[in-house]
Amino acid sequence: MVLPGLILFTLYLLHMIFYAPGNLVDWQIRLYMMLGLLRIDNYRKEAVQPNSLDVHMARDFARQMADGSFETFEADFITLSPGEFVLATTEEYFYFPSYIHGVLQGKSSWARLGLYVESAGLFDSGFQGEAVVELTNQGKTPLVLQSGKAIAQMIFAKNLFVANPYGKKKHGASNYQGQRGAKQSALDRVIAKDRNKQDELSFATKAELN
């Protein structure tokens, strides 16, 4: 009776470690990377947290200008003024398998200073690339952000094998597959269209008043 019980317990452990849906905890992140089930280039061993992996800001940035365009540049640090919006990127390069997806979230210490991180933080199964981090200063004072410092945290979640991994979709483009640097939005001329609509609305309103 001992042997069947041990087999069942072993199968249960294997199920919980490798198959049961849920977020990876610290020892699972290390185990998955050791076994090659999860690959992350340029990660730091000390960055593994109880339920996530700290990601660090690289030197590539794209700052949004007043007309909606972006100025790209490299720097060791940036000063983010209140209300300013900047795209940054991570030093880490991710290879998500078809059975894991990621969720990028801000860190509480930055949030308590008014820094809003990642307005779009889902990384689909199959995605490969650096993580672009959207940064907005919602506080009242400028913030100095230094490259090489932890800026956000990636949460890894197990899922069933997806039918069409990111980068191999049958429908729609995988616009950010293999991205490096602060890649901008794939949406085309959205700001211009919105501005034209505003101009048309303003013109129509003035016409009615006259």
N, C-alpha and C. Protein backbone atom coordinates (compact mmCIF):
# COMPACT_ATOMS: atom_id res chain seq x y z
N MET A 1 0.81 -1.21 0.00
CA MET A 1 0.00 0.00 0.00
C MET A 1 0.86 1.27 0.00
N VAL A 2 2.08 1.14 0.52
CA VAL A 2 2.94 2.31 0.60
C VAL A 2 3.35 2.78 -0.79
N LEU A 3 3.69 1.81 -1.67
CA LEU A 3 4.17 2.17 -3.01
C LEU A 3 3.11 2.88 -3.84
N PRO A 4 1.87 2.37 -3.93
CA PRO A 4 0.84 3.12 -4.68
C PRO A 4 0.61 4.52 -4.13
N GLY A 5 0.65 4.65 -2.79
CA GLY A 5 0.47 5.97 -2.19
C GLY A 5 1.60 6.91 -2.56
N LEU A 6 2.83 6.40 -2.60
CA LEU A 6 3.98 7.22 -2.97
C LEU A 6 3.89 7.64 -4.43
N ILE A 7 3.43 6.72 -5.28
CA ILE A 7 3.27 7.04 -6.71
C ILE A 7 2.24 8.14 -6.89
N LEU A 8 1.11 8.01 -6.20
CA LEU A 8 0.06 9.02 -6.31
C LEU A 8 0.55 10.38 -5.81
N PHE A 9 1.30 10.36 -4.72
CA PHE A 9 1.84 11.62 -4.17
C PHE A 9 2.83 12.25 -5.15
N THR A 10 3.66 11.41 -5.77
CA THR A 10 4.63 11.91 -6.74
C THR A 10 3.92 12.51 -7.95
N LEU A 11 2.88 11.83 -8.44
CA LEU A 11 2.12 12.34 -9.57
C LEU A 11 1.44 13.65 -9.22
N TYR A 12 0.95 13.74 -7.98
CA TYR A 12 0.31 14.98 -7.52
C TYR A 12 1.32 16.13 -7.51
N LEU A 13 2.54 15.87 -7.01
CA LEU A 13 3.57 16.91 -6.98
C LEU A 13 3.94 17.35 -8.40
N LEU A 14 4.12 16.39 -9.30
CA LEU A 14 4.45 16.72 -10.69
C LEU A 14 3.35 17.56 -11.33
N HIS A 15 2.11 17.21 -11.01
CA HIS A 15 0.97 17.97 -11.55
C HIS A 15 1.00 19.41 -11.04
N MET A 16 1.23 19.57 -9.75
CA MET A 16 1.22 20.91 -9.16
C MET A 16 2.39 21.74 -9.68
N ILE A 17 3.55 21.12 -9.85
CA ILE A 17 4.75 21.87 -10.26
C ILE A 17 4.69 22.25 -11.73
N PHE A 18 4.23 21.33 -12.59
CA PHE A 18 4.38 21.54 -14.03
C PHE A 18 3.07 21.75 -14.79
N TYR A 19 1.94 21.29 -14.27
CA TYR A 19 0.73 21.29 -15.08
C TYR A 19 -0.41 22.15 -14.53
N ALA A 20 -0.55 22.22 -13.23
CA ALA A 20 -1.66 22.97 -12.65
C ALA A 20 -1.52 24.45 -12.96
N PRO A 21 -2.60 25.10 -13.45
CA PRO A 21 -2.54 26.54 -13.72
C PRO A 21 -2.24 27.32 -12.44
N GLY A 22 -1.62 28.47 -12.61
CA GLY A 22 -1.30 29.32 -11.47
C GLY A 22 -0.01 30.08 -11.72
N ASN A 23 0.26 31.05 -10.87
CA ASN A 23 1.48 31.85 -11.00
C ASN A 23 2.69 31.08 -10.47
N LEU A 24 3.82 31.24 -11.15
CA LEU A 24 5.05 30.62 -10.68
C LEU A 24 5.57 31.36 -9.46
N VAL A 25 5.98 30.62 -8.44
CA VAL A 25 6.61 31.22 -7.27
C VAL A 25 8.13 31.13 -7.44
N ASP A 26 8.86 31.65 -6.47
CA ASP A 26 10.31 31.81 -6.62
C ASP A 26 11.04 30.53 -7.01
N TRP A 27 10.79 29.44 -6.28
CA TRP A 27 11.53 28.20 -6.57
C TRP A 27 11.11 27.61 -7.91
N GLN A 28 9.85 27.84 -8.33
CA GLN A 28 9.42 27.37 -9.65
C GLN A 28 10.09 28.15 -10.77
N ILE A 29 10.22 29.45 -10.59
CA ILE A 29 10.91 30.27 -11.60
C ILE A 29 12.33 29.76 -11.80
N ARG A 30 13.03 29.52 -10.69
CA ARG A 30 14.40 29.02 -10.79
C ARG A 30 14.44 27.63 -11.43
N LEU A 31 13.51 26.75 -11.01
CA LEU A 31 13.47 25.39 -11.55
C LEU A 31 13.16 25.39 -13.03
N TYR A 32 12.18 26.19 -13.45
CA TYR A 32 11.81 26.24 -14.86
C TYR A 32 12.97 26.73 -15.72
N MET A 33 13.70 27.73 -15.23
CA MET A 33 14.84 28.23 -15.99
C MET A 33 15.98 27.22 -16.01
N MET A 34 16.18 26.51 -14.90
CA MET A 34 17.23 25.51 -14.84
C MET A 34 16.95 24.36 -15.82
N LEU A 35 15.68 23.98 -15.94
CA LEU A 35 15.28 22.89 -16.83
C LEU A 35 15.09 23.34 -18.27
N GLY A 36 15.20 24.64 -18.54
CA GLY A 36 15.00 25.14 -19.89
C GLY A 36 13.55 25.30 -20.28
N LEU A 37 12.65 25.23 -19.31
CA LEU A 37 11.22 25.40 -19.59
C LEU A 37 10.84 26.87 -19.71
N LEU A 38 11.68 27.74 -19.20
CA LEU A 38 11.49 29.18 -19.30
C LEU A 38 12.87 29.80 -19.53
N ARG A 39 12.97 30.63 -20.55
CA ARG A 39 14.26 31.25 -20.88
C ARG A 39 14.17 32.76 -20.77
N ILE A 40 15.13 33.35 -20.07
CA ILE A 40 15.21 34.80 -19.93
C ILE A 40 16.68 35.19 -20.05
N ASP A 41 17.02 35.95 -21.06
CA ASP A 41 18.39 36.44 -21.22
C ASP A 41 18.60 37.68 -20.35
N ASN A 42 19.80 37.82 -19.82
CA ASN A 42 20.21 39.01 -19.05
C ASN A 42 19.47 39.17 -17.73
N TYR A 43 18.93 38.08 -17.22
CA TYR A 43 18.25 38.22 -15.93
C TYR A 43 19.27 38.09 -14.79
N ARG A 44 18.91 38.61 -13.63
CA ARG A 44 19.77 38.55 -12.46
C ARG A 44 19.19 37.58 -11.45
N LYS A 45 20.02 36.68 -10.94
CA LYS A 45 19.53 35.67 -10.02
C LYS A 45 18.90 36.29 -8.78
N GLU A 46 19.49 37.40 -8.32
CA GLU A 46 18.96 38.03 -7.11
C GLU A 46 17.64 38.76 -7.36
N ALA A 47 17.22 38.85 -8.63
CA ALA A 47 15.99 39.56 -8.97
C ALA A 47 14.75 38.70 -8.79
N VAL A 48 14.93 37.40 -8.53
CA VAL A 48 13.78 36.52 -8.32
C VAL A 48 13.14 36.85 -6.98
N GLN A 49 11.88 37.24 -7.03
CA GLN A 49 11.11 37.59 -5.84
C GLN A 49 10.15 36.45 -5.50
N PRO A 50 9.45 36.50 -4.37
CA PRO A 50 8.56 35.39 -3.99
C PRO A 50 7.55 35.02 -5.07
N ASN A 51 7.00 36.01 -5.78
CA ASN A 51 5.98 35.72 -6.78
C ASN A 51 6.23 36.37 -8.13
N SER A 52 7.46 36.85 -8.37
CA SER A 52 7.72 37.57 -9.62
C SER A 52 9.22 37.67 -9.85
N LEU A 53 9.57 38.33 -10.95
CA LEU A 53 10.97 38.62 -11.27
C LEU A 53 11.11 40.11 -11.49
N ASP A 54 11.99 40.76 -10.73
CA ASP A 54 12.25 42.18 -10.95
C ASP A 54 12.90 42.37 -12.32
N VAL A 55 12.42 43.36 -13.08
CA VAL A 55 13.02 43.68 -14.38
C VAL A 55 13.66 45.06 -14.28
N HIS A 56 14.72 45.26 -15.05
CA HIS A 56 15.56 46.44 -14.89
C HIS A 56 15.55 47.29 -16.16
N MET A 57 15.55 48.59 -15.98
CA MET A 57 15.44 49.52 -17.09
C MET A 57 16.74 49.59 -17.87
N ALA A 58 16.62 49.47 -19.20
CA ALA A 58 17.77 49.58 -20.09
C ALA A 58 18.01 51.04 -20.45
N ARG A 59 18.81 51.29 -21.48
CA ARG A 59 19.21 52.65 -21.84
C ARG A 59 18.42 53.23 -23.01
N ASP A 60 17.43 52.50 -23.51
CA ASP A 60 16.66 52.94 -24.67
C ASP A 60 15.34 53.57 -24.22
N PHE A 61 15.05 54.77 -24.75
CA PHE A 61 13.83 55.48 -24.37
C PHE A 61 13.16 56.10 -25.60
N ALA A 62 11.88 56.35 -25.46
CA ALA A 62 11.13 57.11 -26.47
C ALA A 62 10.21 58.06 -25.71
N ARG A 63 10.47 59.35 -25.80
CA ARG A 63 9.70 60.36 -25.06
C ARG A 63 8.64 60.97 -25.97
N GLN A 64 7.39 61.01 -25.50
CA GLN A 64 6.31 61.59 -26.31
C GLN A 64 6.39 63.11 -26.27
N MET A 65 6.33 63.71 -27.47
CA MET A 65 6.41 65.15 -27.60
C MET A 65 5.01 65.76 -27.60
N ALA A 66 4.93 67.08 -27.63
CA ALA A 66 3.64 67.78 -27.54
C ALA A 66 2.72 67.47 -28.71
N ASP A 67 3.28 67.17 -29.89
CA ASP A 67 2.46 66.88 -31.06
C ASP A 67 2.11 65.40 -31.18
N GLY A 68 2.49 64.60 -30.19
CA GLY A 68 2.18 63.18 -30.21
C GLY A 68 3.28 62.30 -30.77
N SER A 69 4.27 62.89 -31.42
CA SER A 69 5.38 62.11 -31.96
C SER A 69 6.31 61.70 -30.81
N PHE A 70 7.26 60.81 -31.12
CA PHE A 70 8.17 60.33 -30.09
C PHE A 70 9.62 60.65 -30.47
N GLU A 71 10.38 61.06 -29.48
CA GLU A 71 11.81 61.28 -29.64
C GLU A 71 12.53 60.09 -29.00
N THR A 72 13.28 59.33 -29.79
CA THR A 72 14.01 58.19 -29.27
C THR A 72 15.44 58.59 -28.93
N PHE A 73 15.97 58.02 -27.86
CA PHE A 73 17.33 58.36 -27.43
C PHE A 73 17.83 57.30 -26.45
N GLU A 74 19.11 57.33 -26.18
CA GLU A 74 19.74 56.47 -25.18
C GLU A 74 20.30 57.34 -24.06
N ALA A 75 20.20 56.84 -22.84
CA ALA A 75 20.71 57.61 -21.71
C ALA A 75 20.91 56.70 -20.51
N ASP A 76 21.79 57.11 -19.61
CA ASP A 76 22.00 56.36 -18.37
C ASP A 76 20.90 56.66 -17.36
N PHE A 77 20.25 57.81 -17.50
CA PHE A 77 19.12 58.15 -16.63
C PHE A 77 18.27 59.19 -17.33
N ILE A 78 17.03 59.30 -16.90
CA ILE A 78 16.13 60.33 -17.42
C ILE A 78 15.42 61.00 -16.24
N THR A 79 15.01 62.24 -16.46
CA THR A 79 14.16 62.93 -15.50
C THR A 79 12.76 63.01 -16.07
N LEU A 80 11.81 62.41 -15.38
CA LEU A 80 10.43 62.34 -15.85
C LEU A 80 9.61 63.41 -15.12
N SER A 81 9.19 64.42 -15.86
CA SER A 81 8.42 65.52 -15.27
C SER A 81 6.98 65.09 -15.02
N PRO A 82 6.26 65.79 -14.11
CA PRO A 82 4.86 65.46 -13.86
C PRO A 82 4.04 65.51 -15.16
N GLY A 83 3.25 64.47 -15.39
CA GLY A 83 2.41 64.38 -16.58
C GLY A 83 3.12 63.86 -17.81
N GLU A 84 4.42 63.66 -17.74
CA GLU A 84 5.18 63.24 -18.91
C GLU A 84 5.04 61.73 -19.13
N PHE A 85 5.08 61.34 -20.42
CA PHE A 85 4.91 59.94 -20.81
C PHE A 85 6.13 59.48 -21.59
N VAL A 86 6.73 58.37 -21.15
CA VAL A 86 7.95 57.85 -21.78
C VAL A 86 7.84 56.33 -21.92
N LEU A 87 8.33 55.83 -23.06
CA LEU A 87 8.49 54.40 -23.24
C LEU A 87 9.92 54.02 -22.87
N ALA A 88 10.06 52.99 -22.06
CA ALA A 88 11.37 52.46 -21.72
C ALA A 88 11.37 50.98 -22.08
N THR A 89 12.51 50.34 -21.90
CA THR A 89 12.60 48.91 -22.20
C THR A 89 13.43 48.23 -21.13
N THR A 90 13.32 46.92 -21.06
CA THR A 90 14.00 46.17 -20.01
C THR A 90 15.33 45.60 -20.51
N GLU A 91 16.25 45.41 -19.59
CA GLU A 91 17.49 44.72 -19.91
C GLU A 91 17.22 43.25 -20.23
N GLU A 92 16.19 42.70 -19.60
CA GLU A 92 15.86 41.29 -19.77
C GLU A 92 15.19 41.04 -21.13
N TYR A 93 15.53 39.92 -21.75
CA TYR A 93 14.92 39.51 -23.02
C TYR A 93 14.20 38.19 -22.75
N PHE A 94 12.89 38.16 -23.02
CA PHE A 94 12.04 37.04 -22.64
C PHE A 94 11.72 36.12 -23.81
N TYR A 95 11.63 34.83 -23.50
CA TYR A 95 11.17 33.82 -24.46
C TYR A 95 10.02 33.06 -23.78
N PHE A 96 8.79 33.46 -24.04
CA PHE A 96 7.66 32.81 -23.40
C PHE A 96 7.27 31.56 -24.18
N PRO A 97 7.25 30.39 -23.53
CA PRO A 97 6.78 29.18 -24.22
C PRO A 97 5.27 29.23 -24.39
N SER A 98 4.72 28.24 -25.07
CA SER A 98 3.29 28.24 -25.37
C SER A 98 2.44 27.89 -24.16
N TYR A 99 3.06 27.59 -23.02
CA TYR A 99 2.31 27.22 -21.82
C TYR A 99 2.52 28.20 -20.67
N ILE A 100 3.13 29.35 -20.96
CA ILE A 100 3.33 30.39 -19.93
C ILE A 100 3.06 31.75 -20.56
N HIS A 101 2.37 32.62 -19.83
CA HIS A 101 2.24 34.01 -20.24
C HIS A 101 2.70 34.90 -19.08
N GLY A 102 2.93 36.16 -19.38
CA GLY A 102 3.46 37.07 -18.37
C GLY A 102 2.57 38.28 -18.15
N VAL A 103 2.63 38.82 -16.95
CA VAL A 103 1.93 40.06 -16.60
C VAL A 103 2.94 41.00 -15.95
N LEU A 104 3.13 42.16 -16.54
CA LEU A 104 4.08 43.14 -16.02
C LEU A 104 3.36 44.14 -15.14
N GLN A 105 3.87 44.35 -13.95
CA GLN A 105 3.27 45.29 -13.01
C GLN A 105 4.33 46.20 -12.42
N GLY A 106 3.88 47.35 -11.96
CA GLY A 106 4.78 48.28 -11.32
C GLY A 106 5.19 47.80 -9.94
N LYS A 107 6.20 48.46 -9.39
CA LYS A 107 6.66 48.15 -8.05
C LYS A 107 6.07 49.17 -7.08
N SER A 108 5.74 48.70 -5.89
CA SER A 108 5.04 49.56 -4.94
C SER A 108 5.85 50.79 -4.53
N SER A 109 7.17 50.64 -4.44
CA SER A 109 7.99 51.79 -4.03
C SER A 109 7.91 52.92 -5.05
N TRP A 110 7.88 52.57 -6.36
CA TRP A 110 7.73 53.60 -7.39
C TRP A 110 6.31 54.15 -7.39
N ALA A 111 5.33 53.28 -7.19
CA ALA A 111 3.93 53.73 -7.20
C ALA A 111 3.67 54.76 -6.10
N ARG A 112 4.34 54.61 -4.99
CA ARG A 112 4.14 55.54 -3.86
C ARG A 112 4.80 56.88 -4.09
N LEU A 113 5.58 56.97 -5.18
CA LEU A 113 6.15 58.26 -5.58
C LEU A 113 5.38 58.89 -6.73
N GLY A 114 4.34 58.19 -7.20
CA GLY A 114 3.51 58.73 -8.27
C GLY A 114 3.82 58.19 -9.64
N LEU A 115 4.72 57.19 -9.74
CA LEU A 115 5.08 56.64 -11.05
C LEU A 115 4.09 55.55 -11.43
N TYR A 116 3.43 55.75 -12.58
CA TYR A 116 2.52 54.74 -13.10
C TYR A 116 3.25 53.94 -14.16
N VAL A 117 3.30 52.63 -13.95
CA VAL A 117 4.05 51.73 -14.83
C VAL A 117 3.10 50.81 -15.57
N GLU A 118 3.39 50.62 -16.88
CA GLU A 118 2.71 49.65 -17.74
C GLU A 118 1.19 49.77 -17.74
N SER A 119 0.69 50.43 -18.74
CA SER A 119 -0.75 50.47 -18.95
C SER A 119 -1.22 49.29 -19.79
N ALA A 120 -0.28 48.53 -20.37
CA ALA A 120 -0.63 47.35 -21.17
C ALA A 120 0.42 46.28 -20.89
N GLY A 121 0.20 45.49 -19.85
CA GLY A 121 1.25 44.63 -19.34
C GLY A 121 1.10 43.16 -19.58
N LEU A 122 0.26 42.71 -20.55
CA LEU A 122 0.11 41.28 -20.80
C LEU A 122 1.06 40.83 -21.89
N PHE A 123 1.81 39.75 -21.64
CA PHE A 123 2.73 39.18 -22.61
C PHE A 123 2.24 37.78 -22.95
N ASP A 124 1.77 37.63 -24.18
CA ASP A 124 1.15 36.37 -24.61
C ASP A 124 2.15 35.23 -24.66
N SER A 125 1.61 34.02 -24.53
CA SER A 125 2.41 32.82 -24.74
C SER A 125 3.00 32.85 -26.15
N GLY A 126 4.29 32.57 -26.26
CA GLY A 126 4.97 32.62 -27.55
C GLY A 126 5.71 33.91 -27.81
N PHE A 127 5.45 34.95 -27.01
CA PHE A 127 6.14 36.23 -27.22
C PHE A 127 7.62 36.09 -26.94
N GLN A 128 8.43 36.76 -27.77
CA GLN A 128 9.86 36.86 -27.56
C GLN A 128 10.28 38.32 -27.72
N GLY A 129 11.09 38.80 -26.80
CA GLY A 129 11.58 40.17 -26.93
C GLY A 129 11.81 40.83 -25.59
N GLU A 130 12.34 42.04 -25.66
CA GLU A 130 12.44 42.87 -24.47
C GLU A 130 11.04 43.38 -24.12
N ALA A 131 10.84 43.67 -22.87
CA ALA A 131 9.55 44.21 -22.45
C ALA A 131 9.60 45.73 -22.53
N VAL A 132 8.69 46.31 -23.29
CA VAL A 132 8.55 47.77 -23.31
C VAL A 132 7.70 48.18 -22.11
N VAL A 133 8.17 49.16 -21.38
CA VAL A 133 7.50 49.61 -20.17
C VAL A 133 7.00 51.03 -20.39
N GLU A 134 5.70 51.23 -20.19
CA GLU A 134 5.11 52.56 -20.34
C GLU A 134 5.15 53.28 -18.99
N LEU A 135 5.74 54.45 -18.96
CA LEU A 135 5.95 55.18 -17.71
C LEU A 135 5.28 56.55 -17.77
N THR A 136 4.48 56.84 -16.77
CA THR A 136 3.85 58.15 -16.63
C THR A 136 4.04 58.66 -15.22
N ASN A 137 4.48 59.89 -15.09
CA ASN A 137 4.65 60.51 -13.78
C ASN A 137 3.33 61.16 -13.39
N GLN A 138 2.61 60.52 -12.46
CA GLN A 138 1.34 61.05 -11.98
C GLN A 138 1.50 61.84 -10.69
N GLY A 139 2.73 62.02 -10.25
CA GLY A 139 2.98 62.78 -9.03
C GLY A 139 3.11 64.27 -9.28
N LYS A 140 3.59 64.97 -8.30
CA LYS A 140 3.69 66.43 -8.36
C LYS A 140 5.12 66.93 -8.53
N THR A 141 6.08 66.02 -8.55
CA THR A 141 7.48 66.42 -8.63
C THR A 141 8.23 65.54 -9.64
N PRO A 142 9.27 66.06 -10.29
CA PRO A 142 10.04 65.25 -11.25
C PRO A 142 10.67 64.03 -10.58
N LEU A 143 10.78 62.95 -11.33
CA LEU A 143 11.39 61.72 -10.85
C LEU A 143 12.62 61.39 -11.70
N VAL A 144 13.69 60.98 -11.06
CA VAL A 144 14.91 60.57 -11.76
C VAL A 144 14.92 59.05 -11.86
N LEU A 145 14.91 58.55 -13.09
CA LEU A 145 14.90 57.11 -13.34
C LEU A 145 16.23 56.70 -13.94
N GLN A 146 16.90 55.75 -13.31
CA GLN A 146 18.25 55.36 -13.71
C GLN A 146 18.25 53.99 -14.35
N SER A 147 18.96 53.87 -15.47
CA SER A 147 19.08 52.57 -16.13
C SER A 147 19.82 51.59 -15.22
N GLY A 148 19.47 50.32 -15.34
CA GLY A 148 20.08 49.31 -14.50
C GLY A 148 19.35 49.08 -13.19
N LYS A 149 18.38 49.94 -12.87
CA LYS A 149 17.61 49.81 -11.64
C LYS A 149 16.29 49.07 -11.91
N ALA A 150 15.81 48.36 -10.88
CA ALA A 150 14.54 47.66 -11.01
C ALA A 150 13.41 48.67 -11.20
N ILE A 151 12.62 48.47 -12.26
CA ILE A 151 11.56 49.42 -12.58
C ILE A 151 10.17 48.79 -12.51
N ALA A 152 10.10 47.46 -12.65
CA ALA A 152 8.81 46.77 -12.64
C ALA A 152 9.05 45.31 -12.27
N GLN A 153 7.99 44.52 -12.27
CA GLN A 153 8.12 43.11 -11.94
C GLN A 153 7.26 42.28 -12.89
N MET A 154 7.83 41.17 -13.37
CA MET A 154 7.12 40.28 -14.29
C MET A 154 6.59 39.08 -13.50
N ILE A 155 5.30 38.84 -13.66
CA ILE A 155 4.64 37.69 -13.06
C ILE A 155 4.46 36.64 -14.15
N PHE A 156 4.82 35.39 -13.86
CA PHE A 156 4.71 34.31 -14.82
C PHE A 156 3.55 33.40 -14.42
N ALA A 157 2.66 33.15 -15.37
CA ALA A 157 1.48 32.34 -15.10
C ALA A 157 1.42 31.16 -16.06
N LYS A 158 1.20 29.96 -15.51
CA LYS A 158 1.05 28.77 -16.33
C LYS A 158 -0.34 28.74 -16.96
N ASN A 159 -0.42 28.23 -18.17
CA ASN A 159 -1.70 28.06 -18.84
C ASN A 159 -1.65 26.81 -19.71
N LEU A 160 -2.79 26.38 -20.21
CA LEU A 160 -2.81 25.28 -21.16
C LEU A 160 -2.07 25.69 -22.42
N PHE A 161 -1.56 24.73 -23.17
CA PHE A 161 -0.87 25.03 -24.41
C PHE A 161 -1.81 25.80 -25.35
N VAL A 162 -1.37 26.96 -25.81
CA VAL A 162 -2.20 27.75 -26.71
C VAL A 162 -2.13 27.18 -28.12
N ALA A 163 -3.21 27.34 -28.88
CA ALA A 163 -3.26 26.81 -30.25
C ALA A 163 -2.42 27.65 -31.20
N ASN A 164 -2.44 28.96 -31.00
CA ASN A 164 -1.71 29.88 -31.89
C ASN A 164 -0.85 30.82 -31.05
N PRO A 165 0.38 30.43 -30.72
CA PRO A 165 1.25 31.29 -29.91
C PRO A 165 1.51 32.62 -30.60
N TYR A 166 1.79 33.63 -29.80
CA TYR A 166 2.18 34.93 -30.34
C TYR A 166 3.40 34.74 -31.23
N GLY A 167 3.36 35.38 -32.39
CA GLY A 167 4.42 35.21 -33.37
C GLY A 167 4.09 34.18 -34.41
N LYS A 168 3.07 33.34 -34.15
CA LYS A 168 2.65 32.32 -35.10
C LYS A 168 1.13 32.32 -35.27
N LYS A 169 0.55 33.49 -35.11
CA LYS A 169 -0.90 33.61 -35.19
C LYS A 169 -1.40 33.39 -36.62
N LYS A 170 -2.53 32.73 -36.74
CA LYS A 170 -3.16 32.57 -38.04
C LYS A 170 -3.95 33.81 -38.44
N HIS A 171 -4.38 34.55 -37.42
CA HIS A 171 -5.18 35.75 -37.67
C HIS A 171 -4.54 36.93 -36.94
N GLY A 172 -4.23 37.98 -37.69
CA GLY A 172 -3.66 39.18 -37.08
C GLY A 172 -2.14 39.12 -37.01
N ALA A 173 -1.55 40.30 -36.90
CA ALA A 173 -0.09 40.42 -36.90
C ALA A 173 0.44 40.39 -35.47
N SER A 174 1.62 39.84 -35.32
CA SER A 174 2.33 39.88 -34.04
C SER A 174 3.33 41.04 -34.13
N ASN A 175 2.82 42.23 -33.88
CA ASN A 175 3.57 43.45 -34.18
C ASN A 175 4.85 43.62 -33.38
N TYR A 176 4.92 43.00 -32.21
CA TYR A 176 6.04 43.29 -31.33
C TYR A 176 6.95 42.09 -31.11
N GLN A 177 6.79 41.05 -31.91
CA GLN A 177 7.64 39.87 -31.76
C GLN A 177 9.10 40.21 -32.05
N GLY A 178 9.99 39.80 -31.14
CA GLY A 178 11.42 40.06 -31.31
C GLY A 178 11.83 41.49 -31.06
N GLN A 179 10.99 42.27 -30.39
CA GLN A 179 11.29 43.69 -30.24
C GLN A 179 12.50 43.94 -29.35
N ARG A 180 13.27 44.93 -29.75
CA ARG A 180 14.39 45.44 -28.96
C ARG A 180 14.30 46.96 -28.97
N GLY A 181 14.56 47.57 -27.84
CA GLY A 181 14.44 49.01 -27.75
C GLY A 181 13.01 49.44 -27.47
N ALA A 182 12.83 50.75 -27.31
CA ALA A 182 11.52 51.31 -26.93
C ALA A 182 10.63 51.43 -28.17
N LYS A 183 10.14 50.29 -28.65
CA LYS A 183 9.32 50.27 -29.86
C LYS A 183 7.99 50.96 -29.60
N GLN A 184 7.58 51.78 -30.56
CA GLN A 184 6.36 52.56 -30.40
C GLN A 184 5.14 51.76 -30.87
N SER A 185 3.96 52.34 -30.67
CA SER A 185 2.70 51.67 -30.98
C SER A 185 2.61 51.32 -32.46
N ALA A 186 2.00 50.15 -32.74
CA ALA A 186 1.80 49.73 -34.12
C ALA A 186 0.58 50.40 -34.75
N LEU A 187 -0.23 51.08 -33.94
CA LEU A 187 -1.39 51.78 -34.49
C LEU A 187 -0.92 52.94 -35.35
N ASP A 188 -1.52 53.10 -36.51
CA ASP A 188 -1.06 54.09 -37.48
C ASP A 188 -1.97 55.31 -37.52
N ARG A 189 -1.40 56.47 -37.33
CA ARG A 189 -2.07 57.77 -37.51
C ARG A 189 -3.31 57.92 -36.63
N VAL A 190 -3.31 57.32 -35.47
CA VAL A 190 -4.46 57.44 -34.57
C VAL A 190 -4.56 58.85 -34.03
N ILE A 191 -3.44 59.42 -33.63
CA ILE A 191 -3.44 60.77 -33.07
C ILE A 191 -3.90 61.78 -34.12
N ALA A 192 -3.43 61.62 -35.34
CA ALA A 192 -3.82 62.55 -36.40
C ALA A 192 -5.32 62.46 -36.68
N LYS A 193 -5.86 61.23 -36.70
CA LYS A 193 -7.28 61.06 -36.94
C LYS A 193 -8.09 61.70 -35.83
N ASP A 194 -7.65 61.49 -34.59
CA ASP A 194 -8.36 62.08 -33.46
C ASP A 194 -8.31 63.60 -33.54
N ARG A 195 -7.15 64.14 -33.93
CA ARG A 195 -7.02 65.59 -34.04
C ARG A 195 -7.94 66.14 -35.14
N ASN A 196 -8.02 65.42 -36.26
CA ASN A 196 -8.90 65.85 -37.34
C ASN A 196 -10.36 65.82 -36.89
N LYS A 197 -10.73 64.79 -36.14
CA LYS A 197 -12.09 64.70 -35.64
C LYS A 197 -12.41 65.86 -34.71
N GLN A 198 -11.42 66.21 -33.87
CA GLN A 198 -11.62 67.33 -32.96
C GLN A 198 -11.79 68.64 -33.73
N ASP A 199 -10.99 68.80 -34.78
CA ASP A 199 -11.10 70.00 -35.60
C ASP A 199 -12.46 70.08 -36.28
N GLU A 200 -12.93 68.93 -36.80
CA GLU A 200 -14.23 68.90 -37.47
C GLU A 200 -15.36 69.22 -36.49
N LEU A 201 -15.26 68.66 -35.27
CA LEU A 201 -16.27 68.92 -34.25
C LEU A 201 -16.27 70.39 -33.84
N SER A 202 -15.07 70.93 -33.68
CA SER A 202 -14.96 72.34 -33.30
C SER A 202 -15.55 73.24 -34.39
N PHE A 203 -15.28 72.92 -35.65
CA PHE A 203 -15.80 73.70 -36.78
C PHE A 203 -17.32 73.63 -36.83
N ALA A 204 -17.88 72.43 -36.60
CA ALA A 204 -19.33 72.25 -36.64
C ALA A 204 -19.99 73.02 -35.49
N THR A 205 -19.35 73.01 -34.32
CA THR A 205 -19.91 73.72 -33.17
C THR A 205 -19.92 75.23 -33.40
N LYS A 206 -18.85 75.75 -33.97
CA LYS A 206 -18.78 77.18 -34.28
C LYS A 206 -19.84 77.56 -35.32
N ALA A 207 -20.05 76.68 -36.30
CA ALA A 207 -21.05 76.95 -37.34
C ALA A 207 -22.46 77.04 -36.75
N GLU A 208 -22.74 76.14 -35.78
CA GLU A 208 -24.06 76.16 -35.15
C GLU A 208 -24.26 77.42 -34.33
N LEU A 209 -23.20 77.86 -33.65
CA LEU A 209 -23.31 79.07 -32.83
C LEU A 209 -23.51 80.30 -33.68
N ASN A 210 -22.94 80.30 -34.89
CA ASN A 210 -23.11 81.45 -35.78
C ASN A 210 -24.46 81.41 -36.46
